[in-house]
Each structure stands twice: as structure tokens, then as C-alpha cells.
Amino acid sequence: MKRLAQGLFPVGRHVVKWDGTDADGRQMASGVYVIRLAVRSSDTTRKVVLLR
């Protein structure tokens, strides 16, 4: 699992970019991946597609 962002963010819209690598810096294959957003006591999951 790779953590893309952590910490406190001010109220508002934020963008986090993923460079398509895993936690060890290796390139990930094209495919469908699941991302998770955890905010206080709430978790949201979404699917993202990586195309190479």
C-alpha cells in the first residue's frame, strides 16, 4: 500500500497526484486500482484506472 498524502489539510478542495508507482517506487501495470480516503471517522473507496 502506498500512502499519497497524510496530515491536516485546510478546509477546501485538494488534489493528490499518483505517479503510478508502488510503495517501493516500482512502476505499476495498467489496470483498475482501489483508492481509499479516510477523513476522521469516515472512509470512502473509489476505483481508478491506470493506463500506460
C-alpha atoms as a PDB file:
ATOM      1  CA  MET A   1       0.000   0.000   0.000  1.00  0.00           C
ATOM      2  CA  LYS A   2       1.294   3.451  -0.901  1.00  0.00           C
ATOM      3  CA  ARG A   3       0.258   6.498   1.090  1.00  0.00           C
ATOM      4  CA  LEU A   4      -0.200   9.522  -1.164  1.00  0.00           C
ATOM      5  CA  ALA A   5      -0.956  12.156   1.466  1.00  0.00           C
ATOM      6  CA  GLN A   6      -1.134  12.425   5.219  1.00  0.00           C
ATOM      7  CA  GLY A   7      -1.707  15.163   7.740  1.00  0.00           C
ATOM      8  CA  LEU A   8      -4.060  18.039   8.321  1.00  0.00           C
ATOM      9  CA  PHE A   9      -5.404  19.990   5.356  1.00  0.00           C
ATOM     10  CA  PRO A  10      -7.290  23.281   5.494  1.00  0.00           C
ATOM     11  CA  VAL A  11     -10.939  23.317   4.504  1.00  0.00           C
ATOM     12  CA  GLY A  12     -11.384  23.340   0.735  1.00  0.00           C
ATOM     13  CA  ARG A  13     -10.624  21.355  -2.367  1.00  0.00           C
ATOM     14  CA  HIS A  14      -7.369  19.426  -2.678  1.00  0.00           C
ATOM     15  CA  VAL A  15      -5.686  17.421  -5.442  1.00  0.00           C
ATOM     16  CA  VAL A  16      -3.366  14.477  -4.834  1.00  0.00           C
ATOM     17  CA  LYS A  17      -1.488  13.032  -7.807  1.00  0.00           C
ATOM     18  CA  TRP A  18      -0.290   9.444  -8.052  1.00  0.00           C
ATOM     19  CA  ASP A  19       2.757   8.802 -10.248  1.00  0.00           C
ATOM     20  CA  GLY A  20       1.754   5.194 -10.954  1.00  0.00           C
ATOM     21  CA  THR A  21       4.365   3.629  -8.683  1.00  0.00           C
ATOM     22  CA  ASP A  22       4.032   1.318  -5.687  1.00  0.00           C
ATOM     23  CA  ALA A  23       5.442   1.895  -2.186  1.00  0.00           C
ATOM     24  CA  ASP A  24       8.877   0.688  -3.358  1.00  0.00           C
ATOM     25  CA  GLY A  25       8.957   3.033  -6.363  1.00  0.00           C
ATOM     26  CA  ARG A  26       8.273   0.340  -8.992  1.00  0.00           C
ATOM     27  CA  GLN A  27       6.004   1.119 -11.935  1.00  0.00           C
ATOM     28  CA  MET A  28       2.542  -0.416 -11.587  1.00  0.00           C
ATOM     29  CA  ALA A  29       0.908  -2.208 -14.520  1.00  0.00           C
ATOM     30  CA  SER A  30      -2.129  -0.834 -16.326  1.00  0.00           C
ATOM     31  CA  GLY A  31      -5.274  -1.847 -14.508  1.00  0.00           C
ATOM     32  CA  VAL A  32      -8.014  -0.918 -12.095  1.00  0.00           C
ATOM     33  CA  TYR A  33      -6.912   0.072  -8.593  1.00  0.00           C
ATOM     34  CA  VAL A  34      -8.846   0.947  -5.458  1.00  0.00           C
ATOM     35  CA  ILE A  35      -8.122   4.140  -3.545  1.00  0.00           C
ATOM     36  CA  ARG A  36      -9.296   4.940  -0.029  1.00  0.00           C
ATOM     37  CA  LEU A  37      -9.937   8.346   1.511  1.00  0.00           C
ATOM     38  CA  ALA A  38     -10.100   8.342   5.295  1.00  0.00           C
ATOM     39  CA  VAL A  39     -11.439  11.516   6.892  1.00  0.00           C
ATOM     40  CA  ARG A  40     -11.934  11.479  10.667  1.00  0.00           C
ATOM     41  CA  SER A  41     -14.373   8.615  11.278  1.00  0.00           C
ATOM     42  CA  SER A  42     -15.420   8.237   7.614  1.00  0.00           C
ATOM     43  CA  ASP A  43     -13.834   6.104   4.869  1.00  0.00           C
ATOM     44  CA  THR A  44     -14.602   6.333   1.152  1.00  0.00           C
ATOM     45  CA  THR A  45     -13.298   3.997  -1.545  1.00  0.00           C
ATOM     46  CA  ARG A  46     -13.147   4.594  -5.299  1.00  0.00           C
ATOM     47  CA  LYS A  47     -11.825   2.749  -8.313  1.00  0.00           C
ATOM     48  CA  VAL A  48      -9.246   4.405 -10.556  1.00  0.00           C
ATOM     49  CA  VAL A  49      -7.881   3.235 -13.890  1.00  0.00           C
ATOM     50  CA  LEU A  50      -4.173   3.427 -14.725  1.00  0.00           C
ATOM     51  CA  LEU A  51      -3.454   3.310 -18.452  1.00  0.00           C
ATOM     52  CA  ARG A  52       0.112   3.114 -19.702  1.00  0.00           C
END
